[in-house]
Amino acid sequence: MTRPPYPTLVLDVDRLACRRGGRLIFSDLGFRLGNGEAIALTGRNGAGKSSLLAMLCGRLRPDAGTIRIEGFEEVAPVEVSHVVGHRDGLKTALTAQENLVFAQALLGEAFLSPAEALAAVGLPHVAALPVGYLSAGQRRRVALARLLVARRPIWLLDEPMSALDAAAQAMLSGLMRDHLAQGGAILAATHGPLGLDGVRDVRIGP
């Protein structure tokens, strides 16, 4: 997976606030995330971790505050970010390879081929199988393979270790370490360890 390093960037989150259903979920949230850095976003269920990720990728508007990516001021955050949500977001009637072909065409800046990405997550043998036939752990790995078919510097991950066994968790930690080593950045909402050194913790709520 040799690749040139990512350009210099800083994700700057300043005094964000979020309301859902008229209720204030969080407020005055801020942090900065730069090249080679990882943040573990923690907090109880319902604290707003998934809502924050939706704001960072442009799917949800904050009620207050700003989100900027220094070094990429002319583009929307969604154009330089990969998002893997708590739900896998796969089309179950399509094969694993077809899902990745679709993702690569949608995201642009191709990196690994779908076949190479499936091999990287340990699933070369499921390429021709409809995703609906796969186990929860296999579907999760196919979803994570989207990180590899297109090259984007910021990974926004919602419970990335969910449904993965110990071997698959170690595999994902390795992919994240490689991404950070190339100057990428990771923000992961999680209830458990990511298997990375030097991860900063940003907690939402008490």
N, C-alpha and C. Protein backbone atom coordinates (compact mmCIF):
# COMPACT_ATOMS: atom_id res chain seq x y z
N MET A 1 0.83 -1.19 0.00
CA MET A 1 0.00 0.00 0.00
C MET A 1 0.87 1.25 0.00
N THR A 2 1.96 1.25 -0.73
CA THR A 2 2.83 2.42 -0.80
C THR A 2 2.10 3.56 -1.50
N ARG A 3 2.19 4.74 -0.92
CA ARG A 3 1.50 5.90 -1.49
C ARG A 3 2.21 7.16 -1.02
N PRO A 4 2.09 8.27 -1.73
CA PRO A 4 2.69 9.52 -1.26
C PRO A 4 1.95 10.01 -0.01
N PRO A 5 2.63 10.79 0.84
CA PRO A 5 1.96 11.29 2.04
C PRO A 5 0.85 12.27 1.69
N TYR A 6 -0.08 12.38 2.60
CA TYR A 6 -1.17 13.34 2.42
C TYR A 6 -0.67 14.76 2.62
N PRO A 7 -1.30 15.74 1.98
CA PRO A 7 -0.91 17.13 2.21
C PRO A 7 -1.27 17.58 3.63
N THR A 8 -0.66 18.66 4.04
CA THR A 8 -0.90 19.19 5.38
C THR A 8 -2.35 19.63 5.54
N LEU A 9 -2.96 19.22 6.65
CA LEU A 9 -4.33 19.62 6.93
C LEU A 9 -4.56 19.63 8.43
N VAL A 10 -5.56 20.39 8.85
CA VAL A 10 -6.03 20.38 10.24
C VAL A 10 -7.55 20.48 10.21
N LEU A 11 -8.21 19.49 10.82
CA LEU A 11 -9.66 19.56 11.03
C LEU A 11 -9.88 20.37 12.30
N ASP A 12 -10.51 21.54 12.15
CA ASP A 12 -10.72 22.46 13.27
C ASP A 12 -12.21 22.51 13.60
N VAL A 13 -12.56 22.00 14.77
CA VAL A 13 -13.94 22.00 15.25
C VAL A 13 -14.02 22.98 16.41
N ASP A 14 -14.89 23.99 16.26
CA ASP A 14 -14.90 25.09 17.23
C ASP A 14 -16.31 25.33 17.75
N ARG A 15 -16.51 25.09 19.04
CA ARG A 15 -17.74 25.43 19.77
C ARG A 15 -19.01 24.90 19.11
N LEU A 16 -18.97 23.66 18.71
CA LEU A 16 -20.13 23.05 18.07
C LEU A 16 -21.24 22.79 19.08
N ALA A 17 -22.47 22.92 18.60
CA ALA A 17 -23.65 22.55 19.40
C ALA A 17 -24.59 21.75 18.52
N CYS A 18 -25.32 20.84 19.16
CA CYS A 18 -26.24 19.96 18.43
C CYS A 18 -27.54 19.83 19.20
N ARG A 19 -28.65 20.02 18.50
CA ARG A 19 -29.97 19.76 19.05
C ARG A 19 -30.65 18.68 18.21
N ARG A 20 -31.29 17.76 18.86
CA ARG A 20 -32.07 16.74 18.17
C ARG A 20 -33.44 16.68 18.83
N GLY A 21 -34.49 16.83 18.02
CA GLY A 21 -35.85 16.83 18.56
C GLY A 21 -36.08 17.95 19.55
N GLY A 22 -35.39 19.08 19.34
CA GLY A 22 -35.55 20.21 20.22
C GLY A 22 -34.73 20.15 21.50
N ARG A 23 -34.02 19.05 21.72
CA ARG A 23 -33.24 18.89 22.94
C ARG A 23 -31.76 19.12 22.65
N LEU A 24 -31.09 19.88 23.50
CA LEU A 24 -29.66 20.13 23.34
C LEU A 24 -28.90 18.86 23.71
N ILE A 25 -28.16 18.32 22.71
CA ILE A 25 -27.41 17.08 22.93
C ILE A 25 -26.02 17.40 23.46
N PHE A 26 -25.33 18.33 22.81
CA PHE A 26 -24.05 18.81 23.31
C PHE A 26 -23.84 20.23 22.85
N SER A 27 -22.91 20.93 23.50
CA SER A 27 -22.61 22.30 23.13
C SER A 27 -21.15 22.60 23.46
N ASP A 28 -20.64 23.67 22.85
CA ASP A 28 -19.28 24.16 23.12
C ASP A 28 -18.23 23.07 22.94
N LEU A 29 -18.41 22.24 21.93
CA LEU A 29 -17.46 21.16 21.66
C LEU A 29 -16.40 21.63 20.68
N GLY A 30 -15.15 21.42 21.02
CA GLY A 30 -14.08 21.83 20.13
C GLY A 30 -12.85 20.94 20.24
N PHE A 31 -12.16 20.78 19.12
CA PHE A 31 -10.89 20.06 19.08
C PHE A 31 -10.24 20.31 17.73
N ARG A 32 -8.96 19.95 17.63
CA ARG A 32 -8.23 20.04 16.37
C ARG A 32 -7.58 18.69 16.09
N LEU A 33 -7.63 18.27 14.84
CA LEU A 33 -7.09 16.98 14.43
C LEU A 33 -6.23 17.18 13.19
N GLY A 34 -4.95 16.82 13.28
CA GLY A 34 -4.05 17.04 12.17
C GLY A 34 -3.46 15.77 11.60
N ASN A 35 -2.51 15.93 10.70
CA ASN A 35 -1.88 14.79 10.03
C ASN A 35 -1.27 13.82 11.03
N GLY A 36 -1.51 12.54 10.81
CA GLY A 36 -0.92 11.51 11.64
C GLY A 36 -1.53 11.37 13.02
N GLU A 37 -2.67 12.03 13.26
CA GLU A 37 -3.30 12.01 14.58
C GLU A 37 -4.60 11.21 14.56
N ALA A 38 -4.91 10.62 15.71
CA ALA A 38 -6.16 9.88 15.88
C ALA A 38 -6.85 10.33 17.16
N ILE A 39 -8.15 10.49 17.07
CA ILE A 39 -8.97 10.84 18.23
C ILE A 39 -10.01 9.75 18.43
N ALA A 40 -10.15 9.31 19.67
CA ALA A 40 -11.23 8.41 20.06
C ALA A 40 -12.34 9.26 20.65
N LEU A 41 -13.47 9.27 20.00
CA LEU A 41 -14.62 10.03 20.46
C LEU A 41 -15.45 9.13 21.36
N THR A 42 -15.56 9.50 22.63
CA THR A 42 -16.22 8.64 23.60
C THR A 42 -17.39 9.36 24.25
N GLY A 43 -18.21 8.59 24.95
CA GLY A 43 -19.39 9.12 25.62
C GLY A 43 -20.46 8.05 25.69
N ARG A 44 -21.41 8.27 26.58
CA ARG A 44 -22.48 7.29 26.74
C ARG A 44 -23.33 7.21 25.47
N ASN A 45 -24.15 6.17 25.38
CA ASN A 45 -25.09 6.05 24.27
C ASN A 45 -26.03 7.26 24.27
N GLY A 46 -26.22 7.85 23.10
CA GLY A 46 -27.09 9.01 22.99
C GLY A 46 -26.41 10.33 23.28
N ALA A 47 -25.09 10.31 23.51
CA ALA A 47 -24.38 11.55 23.83
C ALA A 47 -24.20 12.44 22.61
N GLY A 48 -24.31 11.87 21.42
CA GLY A 48 -24.18 12.66 20.21
C GLY A 48 -22.98 12.34 19.36
N LYS A 49 -22.34 11.20 19.61
CA LYS A 49 -21.14 10.84 18.83
C LYS A 49 -21.47 10.68 17.35
N SER A 50 -22.51 9.94 17.04
CA SER A 50 -22.90 9.75 15.64
C SER A 50 -23.36 11.05 15.01
N SER A 51 -24.03 11.89 15.79
CA SER A 51 -24.47 13.19 15.28
C SER A 51 -23.26 14.06 14.92
N LEU A 52 -22.22 14.00 15.75
CA LEU A 52 -21.01 14.77 15.44
C LEU A 52 -20.39 14.29 14.13
N LEU A 53 -20.29 12.99 13.95
CA LEU A 53 -19.73 12.48 12.70
C LEU A 53 -20.57 12.92 11.51
N ALA A 54 -21.90 12.93 11.68
CA ALA A 54 -22.78 13.40 10.59
C ALA A 54 -22.54 14.87 10.28
N MET A 55 -22.24 15.67 11.30
CA MET A 55 -21.91 17.08 11.07
C MET A 55 -20.59 17.21 10.32
N LEU A 56 -19.61 16.42 10.70
CA LEU A 56 -18.29 16.54 10.10
C LEU A 56 -18.30 16.17 8.62
N CYS A 57 -19.19 15.29 8.23
CA CYS A 57 -19.24 14.90 6.81
C CYS A 57 -20.33 15.64 6.05
N GLY A 58 -20.99 16.59 6.70
CA GLY A 58 -21.95 17.43 6.01
C GLY A 58 -23.36 16.89 5.93
N ARG A 59 -23.64 15.81 6.62
CA ARG A 59 -24.99 15.25 6.57
C ARG A 59 -25.95 15.93 7.55
N LEU A 60 -25.40 16.63 8.52
CA LEU A 60 -26.20 17.30 9.54
C LEU A 60 -25.58 18.66 9.82
N ARG A 61 -26.41 19.68 9.93
CA ARG A 61 -25.91 21.02 10.20
C ARG A 61 -25.82 21.26 11.70
N PRO A 62 -24.72 21.82 12.18
CA PRO A 62 -24.63 22.14 13.60
C PRO A 62 -25.55 23.31 13.95
N ASP A 63 -26.01 23.33 15.19
CA ASP A 63 -26.84 24.44 15.64
C ASP A 63 -26.00 25.66 16.00
N ALA A 64 -24.73 25.45 16.27
CA ALA A 64 -23.81 26.55 16.53
C ALA A 64 -22.40 26.03 16.28
N GLY A 65 -21.47 26.97 16.09
CA GLY A 65 -20.08 26.59 15.92
C GLY A 65 -19.69 26.42 14.46
N THR A 66 -18.42 26.10 14.26
CA THR A 66 -17.88 25.98 12.91
C THR A 66 -17.03 24.72 12.76
N ILE A 67 -16.97 24.24 11.52
CA ILE A 67 -16.12 23.12 11.13
C ILE A 67 -15.30 23.58 9.94
N ARG A 68 -13.98 23.54 10.07
CA ARG A 68 -13.11 23.94 8.96
C ARG A 68 -12.02 22.89 8.80
N ILE A 69 -11.55 22.74 7.58
CA ILE A 69 -10.38 21.91 7.32
C ILE A 69 -9.31 22.81 6.74
N GLU A 70 -8.36 23.20 7.58
CA GLU A 70 -7.27 24.05 7.13
C GLU A 70 -6.43 23.30 6.10
N GLY A 71 -6.18 23.95 5.00
CA GLY A 71 -5.48 23.32 3.89
C GLY A 71 -6.42 22.86 2.79
N PHE A 72 -7.72 22.79 3.12
CA PHE A 72 -8.74 22.39 2.14
C PHE A 72 -9.94 23.33 2.25
N GLU A 73 -9.69 24.62 2.36
CA GLU A 73 -10.77 25.58 2.58
C GLU A 73 -11.75 25.67 1.42
N GLU A 74 -11.30 25.29 0.22
CA GLU A 74 -12.14 25.47 -0.96
C GLU A 74 -13.06 24.28 -1.24
N VAL A 75 -12.97 23.23 -0.42
CA VAL A 75 -13.82 22.05 -0.66
C VAL A 75 -14.62 21.74 0.59
N ALA A 76 -15.74 21.06 0.41
CA ALA A 76 -16.56 20.63 1.53
C ALA A 76 -15.87 19.49 2.27
N PRO A 77 -16.04 19.41 3.60
CA PRO A 77 -15.41 18.33 4.37
C PRO A 77 -15.72 16.94 3.82
N VAL A 78 -16.91 16.73 3.28
CA VAL A 78 -17.28 15.41 2.78
C VAL A 78 -16.39 14.98 1.62
N GLU A 79 -15.79 15.93 0.91
CA GLU A 79 -14.97 15.60 -0.25
C GLU A 79 -13.58 15.11 0.12
N VAL A 80 -13.18 15.29 1.37
CA VAL A 80 -11.85 14.82 1.79
C VAL A 80 -11.97 13.81 2.93
N SER A 81 -13.19 13.31 3.18
CA SER A 81 -13.42 12.41 4.30
C SER A 81 -14.00 11.08 3.82
N HIS A 82 -13.61 10.04 4.49
CA HIS A 82 -14.26 8.74 4.38
C HIS A 82 -15.15 8.56 5.60
N VAL A 83 -16.36 8.08 5.40
CA VAL A 83 -17.27 7.83 6.51
C VAL A 83 -17.69 6.37 6.49
N VAL A 84 -17.46 5.67 7.59
CA VAL A 84 -18.01 4.33 7.78
C VAL A 84 -18.88 4.39 9.01
N GLY A 85 -20.19 4.36 8.80
CA GLY A 85 -21.14 4.52 9.90
C GLY A 85 -21.34 3.25 10.70
N HIS A 86 -22.15 3.39 11.75
CA HIS A 86 -22.47 2.22 12.59
C HIS A 86 -23.20 1.17 11.76
N ARG A 87 -24.06 1.63 10.85
CA ARG A 87 -24.67 0.74 9.87
C ARG A 87 -23.74 0.67 8.67
N ASP A 88 -23.63 -0.50 8.08
CA ASP A 88 -22.62 -0.72 7.05
C ASP A 88 -22.89 0.03 5.75
N GLY A 89 -24.15 0.33 5.46
CA GLY A 89 -24.46 1.11 4.26
C GLY A 89 -24.17 0.39 2.96
N LEU A 90 -24.30 -0.93 2.97
CA LEU A 90 -24.05 -1.72 1.76
C LEU A 90 -25.37 -2.08 1.07
N LYS A 91 -25.29 -2.29 -0.23
CA LYS A 91 -26.46 -2.74 -0.99
C LYS A 91 -26.45 -4.27 -0.97
N THR A 92 -27.40 -4.86 -0.25
CA THR A 92 -27.36 -6.29 0.02
C THR A 92 -27.56 -7.15 -1.23
N ALA A 93 -28.21 -6.61 -2.25
CA ALA A 93 -28.44 -7.40 -3.47
C ALA A 93 -27.21 -7.43 -4.36
N LEU A 94 -26.26 -6.51 -4.15
CA LEU A 94 -25.03 -6.48 -4.93
C LEU A 94 -23.98 -7.35 -4.29
N THR A 95 -23.04 -7.82 -5.09
CA THR A 95 -21.93 -8.59 -4.54
C THR A 95 -20.98 -7.66 -3.79
N ALA A 96 -20.08 -8.28 -3.03
CA ALA A 96 -19.08 -7.48 -2.31
C ALA A 96 -18.27 -6.63 -3.28
N GLN A 97 -17.86 -7.23 -4.39
CA GLN A 97 -17.07 -6.48 -5.37
C GLN A 97 -17.89 -5.37 -6.01
N GLU A 98 -19.14 -5.64 -6.33
CA GLU A 98 -19.99 -4.61 -6.94
C GLU A 98 -20.19 -3.44 -5.99
N ASN A 99 -20.34 -3.70 -4.71
CA ASN A 99 -20.45 -2.62 -3.74
C ASN A 99 -19.22 -1.73 -3.76
N LEU A 100 -18.05 -2.34 -3.86
CA LEU A 100 -16.81 -1.56 -3.86
C LEU A 100 -16.59 -0.84 -5.18
N VAL A 101 -17.00 -1.45 -6.29
CA VAL A 101 -16.93 -0.76 -7.59
C VAL A 101 -17.80 0.50 -7.54
N PHE A 102 -19.00 0.36 -6.99
CA PHE A 102 -19.90 1.51 -6.86
C PHE A 102 -19.28 2.59 -5.98
N ALA A 103 -18.71 2.19 -4.84
CA ALA A 103 -18.11 3.16 -3.92
C ALA A 103 -16.94 3.88 -4.58
N GLN A 104 -16.12 3.15 -5.31
CA GLN A 104 -14.96 3.76 -5.96
C GLN A 104 -15.39 4.79 -7.01
N ALA A 105 -16.41 4.45 -7.78
CA ALA A 105 -16.91 5.37 -8.79
C ALA A 105 -17.52 6.62 -8.16
N LEU A 106 -18.15 6.45 -7.00
CA LEU A 106 -18.80 7.57 -6.32
C LEU A 106 -17.78 8.48 -5.65
N LEU A 107 -16.76 7.90 -5.03
CA LEU A 107 -15.83 8.66 -4.20
C LEU A 107 -14.68 9.29 -4.99
N GLY A 108 -14.27 8.65 -6.08
CA GLY A 108 -13.19 9.19 -6.88
C GLY A 108 -11.82 8.96 -6.27
N GLU A 109 -10.78 9.41 -6.98
CA GLU A 109 -9.38 9.24 -6.61
C GLU A 109 -9.11 7.79 -6.20
N ALA A 110 -9.23 6.90 -7.15
CA ALA A 110 -9.08 5.47 -6.88
C ALA A 110 -7.70 5.17 -6.31
N PHE A 111 -7.67 4.22 -5.39
CA PHE A 111 -6.40 3.74 -4.85
C PHE A 111 -6.28 2.25 -5.11
N LEU A 112 -6.73 1.39 -4.22
CA LEU A 112 -6.72 -0.04 -4.48
C LEU A 112 -7.90 -0.43 -5.34
N SER A 113 -7.75 -1.48 -6.12
CA SER A 113 -8.88 -2.03 -6.85
C SER A 113 -9.81 -2.72 -5.84
N PRO A 114 -11.09 -2.92 -6.18
CA PRO A 114 -11.97 -3.65 -5.28
C PRO A 114 -11.42 -5.02 -4.87
N ALA A 115 -10.81 -5.73 -5.82
CA ALA A 115 -10.25 -7.04 -5.48
C ALA A 115 -9.10 -6.91 -4.48
N GLU A 116 -8.25 -5.90 -4.66
CA GLU A 116 -7.14 -5.68 -3.74
C GLU A 116 -7.64 -5.26 -2.36
N ALA A 117 -8.69 -4.45 -2.32
CA ALA A 117 -9.24 -4.01 -1.05
C ALA A 117 -9.85 -5.18 -0.29
N LEU A 118 -10.56 -6.06 -0.99
CA LEU A 118 -11.12 -7.24 -0.33
C LEU A 118 -10.02 -8.15 0.19
N ALA A 119 -8.93 -8.28 -0.55
CA ALA A 119 -7.80 -9.08 -0.07
C ALA A 119 -7.19 -8.45 1.18
N ALA A 120 -7.13 -7.11 1.22
CA ALA A 120 -6.53 -6.42 2.36
C ALA A 120 -7.33 -6.62 3.64
N VAL A 121 -8.65 -6.83 3.52
CA VAL A 121 -9.47 -7.07 4.71
C VAL A 121 -9.75 -8.56 4.91
N GLY A 122 -9.03 -9.40 4.17
CA GLY A 122 -9.13 -10.84 4.37
C GLY A 122 -10.34 -11.49 3.77
N LEU A 123 -10.91 -10.89 2.72
CA LEU A 123 -12.13 -11.44 2.13
C LEU A 123 -12.05 -11.62 0.61
N PRO A 124 -10.94 -12.09 0.06
CA PRO A 124 -10.90 -12.25 -1.39
C PRO A 124 -11.90 -13.29 -1.90
N HIS A 125 -12.28 -14.21 -1.03
CA HIS A 125 -13.15 -15.32 -1.43
C HIS A 125 -14.63 -14.94 -1.49
N VAL A 126 -15.02 -13.74 -1.03
CA VAL A 126 -16.44 -13.37 -1.05
C VAL A 126 -16.76 -12.37 -2.15
N ALA A 127 -15.81 -12.09 -3.03
CA ALA A 127 -16.00 -11.03 -4.03
C ALA A 127 -17.27 -11.20 -4.84
N ALA A 128 -17.60 -12.43 -5.22
CA ALA A 128 -18.74 -12.67 -6.10
C ALA A 128 -20.03 -12.99 -5.35
N LEU A 129 -20.00 -12.92 -4.00
CA LEU A 129 -21.19 -13.24 -3.22
C LEU A 129 -22.00 -11.99 -2.92
N PRO A 130 -23.34 -12.09 -3.03
CA PRO A 130 -24.17 -10.95 -2.61
C PRO A 130 -23.92 -10.66 -1.13
N VAL A 131 -23.85 -9.38 -0.80
CA VAL A 131 -23.56 -8.98 0.58
C VAL A 131 -24.61 -9.51 1.55
N GLY A 132 -25.84 -9.66 1.08
CA GLY A 132 -26.89 -10.18 1.94
C GLY A 132 -26.64 -11.58 2.46
N TYR A 133 -25.74 -12.32 1.82
CA TYR A 133 -25.42 -13.68 2.26
C TYR A 133 -24.27 -13.72 3.25
N LEU A 134 -23.64 -12.59 3.50
CA LEU A 134 -22.45 -12.58 4.36
C LEU A 134 -22.83 -12.43 5.83
N SER A 135 -21.92 -12.85 6.70
CA SER A 135 -22.12 -12.66 8.13
C SER A 135 -21.97 -11.19 8.49
N ALA A 136 -22.38 -10.83 9.72
CA ALA A 136 -22.26 -9.44 10.16
C ALA A 136 -20.81 -8.98 10.14
N GLY A 137 -19.90 -9.85 10.58
CA GLY A 137 -18.49 -9.48 10.58
C GLY A 137 -17.94 -9.31 9.18
N GLN A 138 -18.36 -10.16 8.26
CA GLN A 138 -17.91 -10.03 6.87
C GLN A 138 -18.45 -8.77 6.24
N ARG A 139 -19.72 -8.45 6.50
CA ARG A 139 -20.28 -7.21 5.95
C ARG A 139 -19.53 -6.00 6.49
N ARG A 140 -19.17 -6.07 7.76
CA ARG A 140 -18.42 -4.95 8.34
C ARG A 140 -17.08 -4.78 7.64
N ARG A 141 -16.42 -5.88 7.34
CA ARG A 141 -15.13 -5.79 6.66
C ARG A 141 -15.28 -5.26 5.23
N VAL A 142 -16.36 -5.64 4.55
CA VAL A 142 -16.61 -5.08 3.21
C VAL A 142 -16.81 -3.57 3.31
N ALA A 143 -17.56 -3.14 4.32
CA ALA A 143 -17.77 -1.70 4.51
C ALA A 143 -16.44 -0.99 4.77
N LEU A 144 -15.59 -1.59 5.57
CA LEU A 144 -14.28 -0.99 5.86
C LEU A 144 -13.37 -0.99 4.63
N ALA A 145 -13.58 -1.95 3.73
CA ALA A 145 -12.78 -1.98 2.50
C ALA A 145 -13.01 -0.75 1.64
N ARG A 146 -14.13 -0.05 1.85
CA ARG A 146 -14.36 1.20 1.11
C ARG A 146 -13.28 2.23 1.42
N LEU A 147 -12.69 2.15 2.61
CA LEU A 147 -11.61 3.08 2.97
C LEU A 147 -10.42 2.94 2.03
N LEU A 148 -10.31 1.80 1.39
CA LEU A 148 -9.11 1.48 0.60
C LEU A 148 -9.30 1.65 -0.90
N VAL A 149 -10.52 1.72 -1.37
CA VAL A 149 -10.72 1.81 -2.83
C VAL A 149 -10.61 3.25 -3.33
N ALA A 150 -10.73 4.21 -2.43
CA ALA A 150 -10.56 5.63 -2.79
C ALA A 150 -9.70 6.27 -1.71
N ARG A 151 -8.88 7.21 -2.11
CA ARG A 151 -7.89 7.82 -1.20
C ARG A 151 -8.40 9.14 -0.66
N ARG A 152 -8.65 9.19 0.64
CA ARG A 152 -9.11 10.41 1.30
C ARG A 152 -8.40 10.53 2.64
N PRO A 153 -8.00 11.74 3.03
CA PRO A 153 -7.11 11.87 4.19
C PRO A 153 -7.77 11.70 5.55
N ILE A 154 -9.07 11.99 5.67
CA ILE A 154 -9.72 11.93 6.98
C ILE A 154 -10.68 10.74 7.02
N TRP A 155 -10.48 9.87 7.99
CA TRP A 155 -11.38 8.73 8.21
C TRP A 155 -12.29 9.05 9.39
N LEU A 156 -13.59 9.03 9.18
CA LEU A 156 -14.60 9.23 10.22
C LEU A 156 -15.30 7.89 10.43
N LEU A 157 -15.05 7.29 11.57
CA LEU A 157 -15.49 5.91 11.80
C LEU A 157 -16.42 5.84 13.01
N ASP A 158 -17.55 5.18 12.84
CA ASP A 158 -18.52 5.02 13.92
C ASP A 158 -18.50 3.57 14.38
N GLU A 159 -17.96 3.35 15.58
CA GLU A 159 -17.80 2.00 16.14
C GLU A 159 -17.14 1.07 15.13
N PRO A 160 -15.93 1.38 14.70
CA PRO A 160 -15.31 0.60 13.62
C PRO A 160 -15.04 -0.85 13.98
N MET A 161 -14.88 -1.16 15.28
CA MET A 161 -14.60 -2.54 15.68
C MET A 161 -15.85 -3.38 15.84
N SER A 162 -17.02 -2.77 15.66
CA SER A 162 -18.29 -3.48 15.85
C SER A 162 -18.38 -4.70 14.94
N ALA A 163 -18.78 -5.84 15.51
CA ALA A 163 -19.00 -7.12 14.80
C ALA A 163 -17.72 -7.80 14.34
N LEU A 164 -16.55 -7.24 14.65
CA LEU A 164 -15.29 -7.84 14.21
C LEU A 164 -14.73 -8.76 15.29
N ASP A 165 -14.21 -9.92 14.87
CA ASP A 165 -13.54 -10.79 15.82
C ASP A 165 -12.13 -10.25 16.07
N ALA A 166 -11.39 -10.94 16.95
CA ALA A 166 -10.08 -10.43 17.38
C ALA A 166 -9.12 -10.28 16.19
N ALA A 167 -9.12 -11.24 15.28
CA ALA A 167 -8.21 -11.17 14.13
C ALA A 167 -8.57 -10.00 13.23
N ALA A 168 -9.87 -9.78 13.01
CA ALA A 168 -10.30 -8.68 12.15
C ALA A 168 -10.04 -7.33 12.82
N GLN A 169 -10.15 -7.27 14.14
CA GLN A 169 -9.82 -6.03 14.85
C GLN A 169 -8.34 -5.70 14.69
N ALA A 170 -7.49 -6.70 14.79
CA ALA A 170 -6.06 -6.49 14.59
C ALA A 170 -5.77 -6.03 13.17
N MET A 171 -6.49 -6.61 12.20
CA MET A 171 -6.33 -6.19 10.81
C MET A 171 -6.68 -4.72 10.64
N LEU A 172 -7.81 -4.31 11.22
CA LEU A 172 -8.24 -2.92 11.11
C LEU A 172 -7.25 -1.98 11.79
N SER A 173 -6.75 -2.38 12.95
CA SER A 173 -5.75 -1.54 13.62
C SER A 173 -4.53 -1.33 12.73
N GLY A 174 -4.13 -2.38 12.02
CA GLY A 174 -3.01 -2.26 11.10
C GLY A 174 -3.30 -1.30 9.96
N LEU A 175 -4.51 -1.36 9.41
CA LEU A 175 -4.88 -0.43 8.34
C LEU A 175 -4.88 1.01 8.85
N MET A 176 -5.36 1.21 10.07
CA MET A 176 -5.38 2.56 10.63
C MET A 176 -3.97 3.07 10.90
N ARG A 177 -3.09 2.21 11.39
CA ARG A 177 -1.70 2.62 11.61
C ARG A 177 -1.04 3.02 10.29
N ASP A 178 -1.31 2.27 9.23
CA ASP A 178 -0.74 2.60 7.92
C ASP A 178 -1.27 3.95 7.43
N HIS A 179 -2.56 4.19 7.63
CA HIS A 179 -3.16 5.46 7.22
C HIS A 179 -2.52 6.63 7.97
N LEU A 180 -2.33 6.47 9.27
CA LEU A 180 -1.71 7.53 10.07
C LEU A 180 -0.26 7.75 9.67
N ALA A 181 0.45 6.67 9.37
CA ALA A 181 1.86 6.78 8.99
C ALA A 181 2.04 7.58 7.71
N GLN A 182 1.02 7.58 6.85
CA GLN A 182 1.07 8.33 5.60
C GLN A 182 0.55 9.76 5.75
N GLY A 183 0.24 10.15 6.99
CA GLY A 183 -0.23 11.51 7.23
C GLY A 183 -1.73 11.66 7.24
N GLY A 184 -2.44 10.55 7.24
CA GLY A 184 -3.89 10.62 7.36
C GLY A 184 -4.31 10.95 8.78
N ALA A 185 -5.60 11.18 8.97
CA ALA A 185 -6.15 11.50 10.28
C ALA A 185 -7.39 10.63 10.51
N ILE A 186 -7.63 10.29 11.78
CA ILE A 186 -8.75 9.40 12.12
C ILE A 186 -9.52 9.96 13.30
N LEU A 187 -10.83 10.02 13.17
CA LEU A 187 -11.73 10.31 14.28
C LEU A 187 -12.69 9.14 14.37
N ALA A 188 -12.67 8.43 15.49
CA ALA A 188 -13.48 7.22 15.63
C ALA A 188 -14.33 7.30 16.88
N ALA A 189 -15.65 7.22 16.70
CA ALA A 189 -16.55 7.08 17.83
C ALA A 189 -16.47 5.63 18.30
N THR A 190 -16.16 5.44 19.57
CA THR A 190 -15.90 4.07 20.02
C THR A 190 -16.18 3.91 21.50
N HIS A 191 -16.53 2.68 21.88
CA HIS A 191 -16.67 2.32 23.29
C HIS A 191 -15.49 1.45 23.74
N GLY A 192 -14.57 1.15 22.83
CA GLY A 192 -13.45 0.29 23.17
C GLY A 192 -12.16 0.79 22.56
N PRO A 193 -11.05 0.10 22.84
CA PRO A 193 -9.75 0.52 22.30
C PRO A 193 -9.67 0.33 20.80
N LEU A 194 -8.83 1.16 20.18
CA LEU A 194 -8.63 1.10 18.73
C LEU A 194 -7.37 0.34 18.34
N GLY A 195 -6.55 -0.03 19.32
CA GLY A 195 -5.32 -0.74 19.02
C GLY A 195 -4.25 0.16 18.44
N LEU A 196 -4.30 1.46 18.77
CA LEU A 196 -3.35 2.44 18.28
C LEU A 196 -2.65 3.12 19.44
N ASP A 197 -1.41 3.53 19.24
CA ASP A 197 -0.68 4.30 20.24
C ASP A 197 -0.96 5.78 20.06
N GLY A 198 -0.93 6.51 21.18
CA GLY A 198 -1.02 7.95 21.11
C GLY A 198 -2.38 8.51 20.74
N VAL A 199 -3.44 7.73 20.93
CA VAL A 199 -4.79 8.21 20.60
C VAL A 199 -5.25 9.22 21.66
N ARG A 200 -5.74 10.37 21.21
CA ARG A 200 -6.32 11.35 22.13
C ARG A 200 -7.80 11.03 22.35
N ASP A 201 -8.28 11.32 23.53
CA ASP A 201 -9.67 11.07 23.88
C ASP A 201 -10.44 12.39 23.89
N VAL A 202 -11.53 12.44 23.16
CA VAL A 202 -12.46 13.56 23.24
C VAL A 202 -13.80 12.99 23.69
N ARG A 203 -14.23 13.40 24.87
CA ARG A 203 -15.45 12.85 25.44
C ARG A 203 -16.59 13.84 25.29
N ILE A 204 -17.75 13.33 24.89
CA ILE A 204 -18.96 14.14 24.82
C ILE A 204 -19.82 13.80 26.05
N GLY A 205 -20.19 14.83 26.78
CA GLY A 205 -21.04 14.62 27.94
C GLY A 205 -20.23 14.22 29.16
N PRO A 206 -20.95 13.95 30.28
CA PRO A 206 -20.27 13.63 31.53
C PRO A 206 -19.59 12.28 31.49
